[in-house]
C-alpha cells in the first residue's frame, strides 16, 4: 500500500502543520479581533450580542488630554531615538567593518552587549545608576536609555549589509 502512495505521509504532515498553524493564528488574533469589534459596541460593558454601533469610546480616547500628551511624548522619543540611533549605528558599523584598529573586537562586543541583556534588567540597571549619580530624571536620559536599547540592532544590521559591499 505504501509503495502505491509514497507521499501520503507527507501530505498528512503538511495538513497537520497547516491545522496547527491555523490554530496558533486563531489563538493569537481572536482576542484582538474581539476587542476591536467590541470597541464599537454602544454598551458600557463589552459583551455579545452587541447592543448597537457607537464611536463614543474613540471620541473619548481622542479627547482625553493625558492620553494625547503621552502619545505625543512617545512619538517625540521614538523620532529622536530613531534618528540618533540610525546615525550613530551607521557610523559605528562603518568604522567596525571598514577599518582595522586596536580594540576593535572589544568595541564591537561593547556595542552589541545591550542586546544580550533583557530589557527589563537593563532598564532597572539604568535607573539604579541614574539614582546613584544623583541625576534628576529627564527626557534626555529617557532618550539615551532608548538609544542604548536600539543601537545594537542598527549596528548588527548595517554591519551585516556592509560586509557584502566591495570597498571602492
N, C-alpha and C. Protein backbone atom coordinates (compact mmCIF):
# COMPACT_ATOMS: atom_id res chain seq x y z
N UNK A 1 0.82 -1.19 0.00
CA UNK A 1 0.00 0.00 0.00
C UNK A 1 0.87 1.25 0.00
N UNK A 2 1.93 1.27 0.78
CA UNK A 2 2.78 2.44 0.83
C UNK A 2 3.54 2.66 -0.46
N UNK A 3 3.85 1.58 -1.16
CA UNK A 3 4.57 1.72 -2.43
C UNK A 3 3.72 2.45 -3.45
N UNK A 4 2.38 2.31 -3.36
CA UNK A 4 1.49 2.99 -4.30
C UNK A 4 1.40 4.49 -4.02
N UNK A 5 1.46 4.88 -2.75
CA UNK A 5 1.29 6.29 -2.36
C UNK A 5 2.42 6.72 -1.41
N UNK A 6 3.63 6.91 -1.95
CA UNK A 6 4.75 7.23 -1.06
C UNK A 6 4.64 8.62 -0.43
N UNK A 7 3.85 9.52 -1.01
CA UNK A 7 3.79 10.88 -0.47
C UNK A 7 2.59 11.10 0.45
N UNK A 8 1.86 10.03 0.79
CA UNK A 8 0.68 10.16 1.64
C UNK A 8 1.06 10.71 3.02
N UNK A 9 2.15 10.19 3.61
CA UNK A 9 2.59 10.69 4.92
C UNK A 9 2.99 12.15 4.83
N UNK A 10 3.60 12.52 3.73
CA UNK A 10 4.00 13.92 3.55
C UNK A 10 2.80 14.84 3.49
N UNK A 11 1.74 14.40 2.80
CA UNK A 11 0.51 15.22 2.72
C UNK A 11 -0.11 15.40 4.10
N UNK A 12 -0.17 14.32 4.88
CA UNK A 12 -0.75 14.41 6.22
C UNK A 12 0.09 15.30 7.12
N UNK A 13 1.39 15.24 6.96
CA UNK A 13 2.27 16.10 7.76
C UNK A 13 2.02 17.57 7.44
N UNK A 14 1.85 17.87 6.15
CA UNK A 14 1.58 19.26 5.76
C UNK A 14 0.20 19.70 6.24
N UNK A 15 -0.77 18.82 6.18
CA UNK A 15 -2.11 19.17 6.66
C UNK A 15 -2.10 19.42 8.16
N UNK A 16 -1.39 18.57 8.89
CA UNK A 16 -1.29 18.74 10.34
C UNK A 16 -0.57 20.05 10.67
N UNK A 17 0.50 20.33 9.94
CA UNK A 17 1.22 21.58 10.15
C UNK A 17 0.33 22.78 9.86
N UNK A 18 -0.43 22.70 8.79
CA UNK A 18 -1.36 23.78 8.45
C UNK A 18 -2.44 23.97 9.50
N UNK A 19 -2.97 22.86 10.02
CA UNK A 19 -4.01 22.94 11.05
C UNK A 19 -3.47 23.55 12.34
N UNK A 20 -2.27 23.14 12.72
CA UNK A 20 -1.65 23.70 13.93
C UNK A 20 -1.36 25.19 13.74
N UNK A 21 -0.87 25.54 12.57
CA UNK A 21 -0.60 26.96 12.28
C UNK A 21 -1.87 27.78 12.34
N UNK A 22 -2.95 27.26 11.77
CA UNK A 22 -4.24 27.95 11.82
C UNK A 22 -4.70 28.14 13.27
N UNK A 23 -4.56 27.10 14.08
CA UNK A 23 -4.95 27.20 15.49
C UNK A 23 -4.13 28.26 16.22
N UNK A 24 -2.84 28.32 15.94
CA UNK A 24 -1.98 29.33 16.57
C UNK A 24 -2.42 30.73 16.16
N UNK A 25 -2.70 30.93 14.87
CA UNK A 25 -3.16 32.25 14.40
C UNK A 25 -4.49 32.63 15.05
N UNK A 26 -5.41 31.70 15.14
CA UNK A 26 -6.70 31.99 15.77
C UNK A 26 -6.48 32.34 17.24
N UNK A 27 -5.63 31.57 17.92
CA UNK A 27 -5.34 31.82 19.33
C UNK A 27 -4.72 33.20 19.53
N UNK A 28 -3.87 33.63 18.60
CA UNK A 28 -3.21 34.93 18.72
C UNK A 28 -4.11 36.09 18.35
N UNK A 29 -4.88 35.95 17.28
CA UNK A 29 -5.61 37.10 16.74
C UNK A 29 -7.07 37.19 17.17
N UNK A 30 -7.67 36.13 17.66
CA UNK A 30 -9.08 36.19 18.07
C UNK A 30 -9.32 37.22 19.17
N UNK A 31 -8.48 37.30 20.20
CA UNK A 31 -8.71 38.34 21.22
C UNK A 31 -8.58 39.77 20.67
N UNK A 32 -7.67 39.97 19.75
CA UNK A 32 -7.50 41.30 19.15
C UNK A 32 -8.73 41.66 18.33
N UNK A 33 -9.19 40.72 17.52
CA UNK A 33 -10.37 40.97 16.69
C UNK A 33 -11.60 41.20 17.57
N UNK A 34 -11.76 40.41 18.63
CA UNK A 34 -12.90 40.59 19.54
C UNK A 34 -12.84 41.96 20.21
N UNK A 35 -11.66 42.40 20.60
CA UNK A 35 -11.52 43.72 21.23
C UNK A 35 -11.91 44.83 20.27
N UNK A 36 -11.47 44.73 19.03
CA UNK A 36 -11.81 45.75 18.04
C UNK A 36 -13.32 45.76 17.79
N UNK A 37 -13.92 44.59 17.63
CA UNK A 37 -15.37 44.52 17.39
C UNK A 37 -16.12 45.09 18.59
N UNK A 38 -15.73 44.71 19.79
CA UNK A 38 -16.42 45.19 20.99
C UNK A 38 -16.20 46.68 21.24
N UNK A 39 -15.16 47.25 20.67
CA UNK A 39 -14.92 48.68 20.86
C UNK A 39 -15.96 49.54 20.16
N UNK A 40 -16.68 48.97 19.23
CA UNK A 40 -17.76 49.69 18.54
C UNK A 40 -19.12 49.45 19.19
N UNK A 41 -19.16 48.71 20.30
CA UNK A 41 -20.41 48.41 20.98
C UNK A 41 -20.90 49.65 21.73
N UNK A 42 -22.18 49.92 21.67
CA UNK A 42 -22.76 51.08 22.35
C UNK A 42 -22.87 50.86 23.85
N UNK A 43 -22.84 49.63 24.30
CA UNK A 43 -22.98 49.32 25.72
C UNK A 43 -21.75 49.76 26.50
N UNK A 44 -21.97 50.06 27.77
CA UNK A 44 -20.87 50.45 28.65
C UNK A 44 -19.92 49.28 28.88
N UNK A 45 -20.45 48.07 28.89
CA UNK A 45 -19.67 46.87 29.13
C UNK A 45 -19.63 46.03 27.87
N UNK A 46 -18.45 45.48 27.57
CA UNK A 46 -18.31 44.65 26.39
C UNK A 46 -19.01 43.32 26.55
N UNK A 47 -19.57 42.84 25.49
CA UNK A 47 -20.22 41.54 25.52
C UNK A 47 -21.04 41.32 24.27
N UNK A 48 -21.30 40.06 24.00
CA UNK A 48 -22.13 39.71 22.86
C UNK A 48 -23.50 39.31 23.36
N UNK A 49 -24.55 39.59 22.66
CA UNK A 49 -24.61 40.29 21.37
C UNK A 49 -24.41 41.80 21.56
N UNK A 50 -23.96 42.44 20.49
CA UNK A 50 -23.74 43.88 20.52
C UNK A 50 -25.09 44.59 20.65
N UNK A 51 -25.09 45.67 21.43
CA UNK A 51 -26.35 46.40 21.66
C UNK A 51 -26.54 47.54 20.67
N UNK A 52 -25.54 47.84 19.88
CA UNK A 52 -25.64 48.92 18.91
C UNK A 52 -24.25 49.36 18.48
N UNK A 53 -24.22 50.22 17.47
CA UNK A 53 -22.95 50.71 16.93
C UNK A 53 -22.68 52.10 17.51
N UNK A 54 -21.43 52.33 17.98
CA UNK A 54 -21.10 53.63 18.55
C UNK A 54 -19.61 53.90 18.39
N UNK A 55 -19.27 55.16 18.18
CA UNK A 55 -17.88 55.61 18.15
C UNK A 55 -17.54 56.38 19.42
N UNK A 56 -18.37 56.24 20.44
CA UNK A 56 -18.21 57.00 21.68
C UNK A 56 -16.86 56.77 22.33
N UNK A 57 -16.39 55.53 22.35
CA UNK A 57 -15.13 55.23 23.03
C UNK A 57 -13.96 55.84 22.28
N UNK A 58 -14.03 55.90 20.97
CA UNK A 58 -12.97 56.53 20.19
C UNK A 58 -12.99 58.05 20.40
N UNK A 59 -14.18 58.63 20.52
CA UNK A 59 -14.29 60.06 20.80
C UNK A 59 -13.67 60.38 22.16
N UNK A 60 -13.96 59.54 23.16
CA UNK A 60 -13.39 59.75 24.50
C UNK A 60 -11.87 59.62 24.46
N UNK A 61 -11.38 58.67 23.70
CA UNK A 61 -9.93 58.49 23.58
C UNK A 61 -9.28 59.71 22.95
N UNK A 62 -9.86 60.22 21.88
CA UNK A 62 -9.26 61.34 21.15
C UNK A 62 -9.47 62.69 21.83
N UNK A 63 -10.28 62.74 22.87
CA UNK A 63 -10.45 63.98 23.62
C UNK A 63 -9.84 63.89 25.01
N UNK A 64 -9.18 62.79 25.32
CA UNK A 64 -8.53 62.61 26.62
C UNK A 64 -7.14 63.22 26.55
N UNK A 65 -6.97 64.39 27.14
CA UNK A 65 -5.71 65.13 27.02
C UNK A 65 -4.50 64.39 27.62
N UNK A 66 -4.60 63.74 28.78
CA UNK A 66 -3.43 62.99 29.28
C UNK A 66 -2.98 61.88 28.32
N UNK A 67 -3.93 61.21 27.69
CA UNK A 67 -3.58 60.16 26.73
C UNK A 67 -2.89 60.77 25.51
N UNK A 68 -3.41 61.89 25.03
CA UNK A 68 -2.80 62.55 23.87
C UNK A 68 -1.41 63.08 24.20
N UNK A 69 -1.22 63.61 25.42
CA UNK A 69 0.11 64.06 25.83
C UNK A 69 1.10 62.90 25.87
N UNK A 70 0.66 61.77 26.41
CA UNK A 70 1.52 60.58 26.46
C UNK A 70 1.86 60.11 25.05
N UNK A 71 0.89 60.16 24.14
CA UNK A 71 1.13 59.76 22.75
C UNK A 71 2.15 60.70 22.10
N UNK A 72 2.00 62.01 22.30
CA UNK A 72 2.95 62.97 21.72
C UNK A 72 4.36 62.75 22.28
N UNK A 73 4.45 62.52 23.57
CA UNK A 73 5.75 62.26 24.19
C UNK A 73 6.38 61.00 23.62
N UNK A 74 5.60 59.95 23.48
CA UNK A 74 6.11 58.69 22.91
C UNK A 74 6.60 58.88 21.48
N UNK A 75 5.85 59.63 20.69
CA UNK A 75 6.25 59.87 19.30
C UNK A 75 7.52 60.71 19.23
N UNK A 76 7.66 61.69 20.11
CA UNK A 76 8.87 62.52 20.12
C UNK A 76 10.08 61.67 20.49
N UNK A 77 9.94 60.85 21.53
CA UNK A 77 11.04 59.98 21.95
C UNK A 77 11.40 59.00 20.83
N UNK A 78 10.40 58.45 20.17
CA UNK A 78 10.64 57.50 19.08
C UNK A 78 11.37 58.17 17.92
N UNK A 79 10.96 59.38 17.56
CA UNK A 79 11.58 60.10 16.45
C UNK A 79 13.04 60.43 16.74
N UNK A 80 13.30 60.98 17.92
CA UNK A 80 14.67 61.33 18.29
C UNK A 80 15.53 60.08 18.40
N UNK A 81 15.00 59.04 19.03
CA UNK A 81 15.74 57.79 19.18
C UNK A 81 16.07 57.17 17.83
N UNK A 82 15.11 57.11 16.94
CA UNK A 82 15.34 56.52 15.62
C UNK A 82 16.37 57.30 14.83
N UNK A 83 16.29 58.63 14.88
CA UNK A 83 17.24 59.46 14.13
C UNK A 83 18.65 59.30 14.67
N UNK A 84 18.82 59.46 15.97
CA UNK A 84 20.16 59.38 16.57
C UNK A 84 20.72 57.97 16.44
N UNK A 85 19.91 56.97 16.69
CA UNK A 85 20.37 55.58 16.60
C UNK A 85 20.79 55.23 15.18
N UNK A 86 20.05 55.69 14.20
CA UNK A 86 20.41 55.42 12.81
C UNK A 86 21.75 56.05 12.46
N UNK A 87 21.92 57.31 12.83
CA UNK A 87 23.19 58.00 12.53
C UNK A 87 24.36 57.34 13.25
N UNK A 88 24.24 57.12 14.55
CA UNK A 88 25.33 56.51 15.31
C UNK A 88 25.58 55.07 14.86
N UNK A 89 24.52 54.33 14.60
CA UNK A 89 24.67 52.94 14.18
C UNK A 89 25.38 52.79 12.86
N UNK A 90 25.05 53.66 11.90
CA UNK A 90 25.73 53.61 10.60
C UNK A 90 27.20 53.96 10.74
N UNK A 91 27.49 55.01 11.52
CA UNK A 91 28.89 55.39 11.71
C UNK A 91 29.68 54.30 12.42
N UNK A 92 29.10 53.71 13.47
CA UNK A 92 29.79 52.65 14.20
C UNK A 92 30.01 51.42 13.32
N UNK A 93 29.00 51.03 12.57
CA UNK A 93 29.13 49.86 11.70
C UNK A 93 30.16 50.11 10.61
N UNK A 94 30.17 51.31 10.06
CA UNK A 94 31.16 51.66 9.03
C UNK A 94 32.57 51.54 9.60
N UNK A 95 32.79 52.09 10.78
CA UNK A 95 34.12 52.01 11.41
C UNK A 95 34.50 50.57 11.72
N UNK A 96 33.57 49.79 12.21
CA UNK A 96 33.88 48.42 12.60
C UNK A 96 34.09 47.49 11.41
N UNK A 97 33.49 47.80 10.28
CA UNK A 97 33.64 46.94 9.10
C UNK A 97 34.82 47.38 8.25
N UNK A 98 35.01 48.66 8.06
CA UNK A 98 36.00 49.16 7.10
C UNK A 98 37.41 49.34 7.64
N UNK A 99 37.56 49.54 8.93
CA UNK A 99 38.87 49.90 9.47
C UNK A 99 39.38 48.87 10.46
N UNK A 100 40.69 48.73 10.49
CA UNK A 100 41.35 47.87 11.46
C UNK A 100 42.02 48.76 12.50
N UNK A 101 41.75 48.50 13.77
CA UNK A 101 42.35 49.29 14.84
C UNK A 101 42.37 48.45 16.11
N UNK A 102 43.23 48.89 17.05
CA UNK A 102 43.34 48.17 18.32
C UNK A 102 42.03 48.28 19.09
N UNK A 103 41.59 47.20 19.67
CA UNK A 103 40.38 47.20 20.47
C UNK A 103 39.10 47.10 19.66
N UNK A 104 39.23 46.80 18.38
CA UNK A 104 38.05 46.72 17.51
C UNK A 104 37.06 45.66 18.02
N UNK A 105 37.56 44.50 18.38
CA UNK A 105 36.69 43.42 18.85
C UNK A 105 36.03 43.79 20.18
N UNK A 106 36.78 44.45 21.06
CA UNK A 106 36.22 44.87 22.35
C UNK A 106 35.11 45.90 22.15
N UNK A 107 35.32 46.85 21.25
CA UNK A 107 34.29 47.86 20.97
C UNK A 107 33.06 47.20 20.35
N UNK A 108 33.29 46.29 19.43
CA UNK A 108 32.17 45.57 18.80
C UNK A 108 31.35 44.83 19.87
N UNK A 109 32.04 44.17 20.78
CA UNK A 109 31.36 43.45 21.86
C UNK A 109 30.58 44.40 22.76
N UNK A 110 31.19 45.53 23.11
CA UNK A 110 30.51 46.51 23.97
C UNK A 110 29.28 47.11 23.30
N UNK A 111 29.36 47.31 21.99
CA UNK A 111 28.21 47.87 21.26
C UNK A 111 27.06 46.86 21.22
N UNK A 112 27.38 45.59 21.07
CA UNK A 112 26.36 44.54 20.95
C UNK A 112 25.82 44.09 22.32
N UNK A 113 26.58 44.30 23.37
CA UNK A 113 26.23 43.81 24.70
C UNK A 113 24.82 44.16 25.18
N UNK A 114 24.31 45.38 25.00
CA UNK A 114 22.95 45.66 25.48
C UNK A 114 21.86 44.79 24.85
N UNK A 115 22.11 44.27 23.67
CA UNK A 115 21.12 43.39 23.03
C UNK A 115 21.06 42.03 23.72
N UNK A 116 22.11 41.68 24.45
CA UNK A 116 22.16 40.38 25.12
C UNK A 116 21.53 40.41 26.50
N UNK A 117 21.31 41.61 27.04
CA UNK A 117 20.74 41.75 28.38
C UNK A 117 19.23 41.99 28.23
N UNK A 118 18.41 41.31 28.99
CA UNK A 118 16.96 41.56 28.90
C UNK A 118 16.64 43.03 29.18
N UNK A 119 15.66 43.56 28.45
CA UNK A 119 15.35 44.99 28.52
C UNK A 119 14.97 45.44 29.92
N UNK A 120 14.24 44.62 30.64
CA UNK A 120 13.81 44.98 32.00
C UNK A 120 15.02 45.14 32.91
N UNK A 121 15.94 44.21 32.83
CA UNK A 121 17.14 44.27 33.66
C UNK A 121 17.98 45.49 33.28
N UNK A 122 18.11 45.75 31.99
CA UNK A 122 18.85 46.91 31.53
C UNK A 122 18.19 48.20 32.02
N UNK A 123 16.87 48.28 31.94
CA UNK A 123 16.15 49.47 32.40
C UNK A 123 16.30 49.70 33.89
N UNK A 124 16.16 48.65 34.68
CA UNK A 124 16.32 48.78 36.13
C UNK A 124 17.76 49.17 36.46
N UNK A 125 18.72 48.58 35.76
CA UNK A 125 20.12 48.95 35.97
C UNK A 125 20.39 50.41 35.66
N UNK A 126 19.80 50.89 34.57
CA UNK A 126 19.95 52.31 34.23
C UNK A 126 19.33 53.21 35.29
N UNK A 127 18.15 52.85 35.78
CA UNK A 127 17.52 53.64 36.84
C UNK A 127 18.36 53.67 38.11
N UNK A 128 18.91 52.53 38.50
CA UNK A 128 19.76 52.47 39.69
C UNK A 128 21.00 53.33 39.49
N UNK A 129 21.61 53.26 38.31
CA UNK A 129 22.80 54.05 38.04
C UNK A 129 22.49 55.55 38.06
N UNK A 130 21.37 55.94 37.46
CA UNK A 130 20.98 57.35 37.44
C UNK A 130 20.73 57.85 38.86
N UNK A 131 20.10 57.02 39.68
CA UNK A 131 19.85 57.38 41.08
C UNK A 131 21.16 57.46 41.85
N UNK A 132 22.10 56.56 41.56
CA UNK A 132 23.38 56.54 42.28
C UNK A 132 24.21 57.79 42.02
N UNK A 133 24.14 58.34 40.81
CA UNK A 133 24.90 59.56 40.50
C UNK A 133 24.06 60.80 40.76
N UNK A 134 22.90 60.62 41.39
CA UNK A 134 22.01 61.72 41.79
C UNK A 134 21.63 62.62 40.62
N UNK A 135 21.31 61.98 39.51
CA UNK A 135 20.89 62.70 38.31
C UNK A 135 19.36 62.76 38.28
N UNK A 136 18.77 63.95 38.11
CA UNK A 136 17.31 64.01 38.04
C UNK A 136 16.79 63.36 36.75
N UNK A 137 15.62 62.76 36.84
CA UNK A 137 15.04 62.13 35.66
C UNK A 137 14.68 63.21 34.64
N UNK A 138 14.99 62.94 33.38
CA UNK A 138 14.71 63.92 32.33
C UNK A 138 14.41 63.20 31.02
N UNK A 139 13.91 63.97 30.07
CA UNK A 139 13.60 63.43 28.75
C UNK A 139 14.90 62.98 28.05
N UNK A 140 15.97 63.72 28.25
CA UNK A 140 17.25 63.37 27.62
C UNK A 140 17.73 62.00 28.10
N UNK A 141 17.61 61.73 29.39
CA UNK A 141 18.02 60.42 29.91
C UNK A 141 17.12 59.31 29.38
N UNK A 142 15.86 59.60 29.21
CA UNK A 142 14.94 58.62 28.64
C UNK A 142 15.32 58.29 27.20
N UNK A 143 15.66 59.32 26.43
CA UNK A 143 16.10 59.10 25.04
C UNK A 143 17.41 58.33 25.03
N UNK A 144 18.35 58.67 25.91
CA UNK A 144 19.62 57.94 25.97
C UNK A 144 19.40 56.46 26.31
N UNK A 145 18.47 56.18 27.20
CA UNK A 145 18.15 54.79 27.51
C UNK A 145 17.60 54.04 26.30
N UNK A 146 16.74 54.70 25.54
CA UNK A 146 16.19 54.08 24.33
C UNK A 146 17.28 53.88 23.28
N UNK A 147 18.18 54.84 23.17
CA UNK A 147 19.29 54.69 22.22
C UNK A 147 20.15 53.50 22.61
N UNK A 148 20.43 53.36 23.90
CA UNK A 148 21.22 52.22 24.38
C UNK A 148 20.54 50.89 24.03
N UNK A 149 19.22 50.86 24.10
CA UNK A 149 18.48 49.64 23.78
C UNK A 149 18.48 49.33 22.28
N UNK A 150 18.42 50.35 21.43
CA UNK A 150 18.22 50.13 20.00
C UNK A 150 19.51 50.13 19.18
N UNK A 151 20.55 50.76 19.68
CA UNK A 151 21.80 50.87 18.91
C UNK A 151 22.39 49.52 18.47
N UNK A 152 22.42 48.50 19.33
CA UNK A 152 23.00 47.22 18.89
C UNK A 152 22.32 46.64 17.65
N UNK A 153 21.02 46.79 17.54
CA UNK A 153 20.30 46.22 16.40
C UNK A 153 20.66 46.95 15.10
N UNK A 154 20.78 48.27 15.18
CA UNK A 154 21.17 49.02 13.98
C UNK A 154 22.59 48.63 13.57
N UNK A 155 23.50 48.57 14.53
CA UNK A 155 24.89 48.22 14.21
C UNK A 155 24.96 46.82 13.60
N UNK A 156 24.26 45.86 14.18
CA UNK A 156 24.29 44.49 13.65
C UNK A 156 23.74 44.42 12.23
N UNK A 157 22.62 45.08 11.98
CA UNK A 157 22.00 45.02 10.65
C UNK A 157 22.87 45.71 9.61
N UNK A 158 23.40 46.89 9.95
CA UNK A 158 24.23 47.63 8.99
C UNK A 158 25.54 46.89 8.76
N UNK A 159 26.14 46.32 9.81
CA UNK A 159 27.36 45.53 9.63
C UNK A 159 27.12 44.36 8.69
N UNK A 160 26.03 43.67 8.87
CA UNK A 160 25.72 42.51 8.02
C UNK A 160 25.58 42.92 6.57
N UNK A 161 25.00 44.08 6.31
CA UNK A 161 24.84 44.56 4.93
C UNK A 161 26.16 45.06 4.36
N UNK A 162 26.99 45.68 5.17
CA UNK A 162 28.23 46.28 4.67
C UNK A 162 29.31 45.24 4.39
N UNK A 163 29.24 44.11 5.04
CA UNK A 163 30.25 43.07 4.82
C UNK A 163 30.24 42.63 3.36
N UNK A 164 29.09 42.59 2.73
CA UNK A 164 28.98 42.15 1.35
C UNK A 164 29.28 43.22 0.32
N UNK A 165 29.49 44.47 0.74
CA UNK A 165 29.75 45.56 -0.20
C UNK A 165 31.25 45.68 -0.44
N UNK A 166 31.64 45.79 -1.71
CA UNK A 166 33.06 45.91 -2.05
C UNK A 166 33.57 47.29 -1.66
N UNK A 167 34.83 47.32 -1.21
CA UNK A 167 35.46 48.61 -0.90
C UNK A 167 35.92 49.24 -2.19
N UNK A 168 35.45 50.42 -2.48
CA UNK A 168 35.93 51.14 -3.66
C UNK A 168 35.63 52.61 -3.54
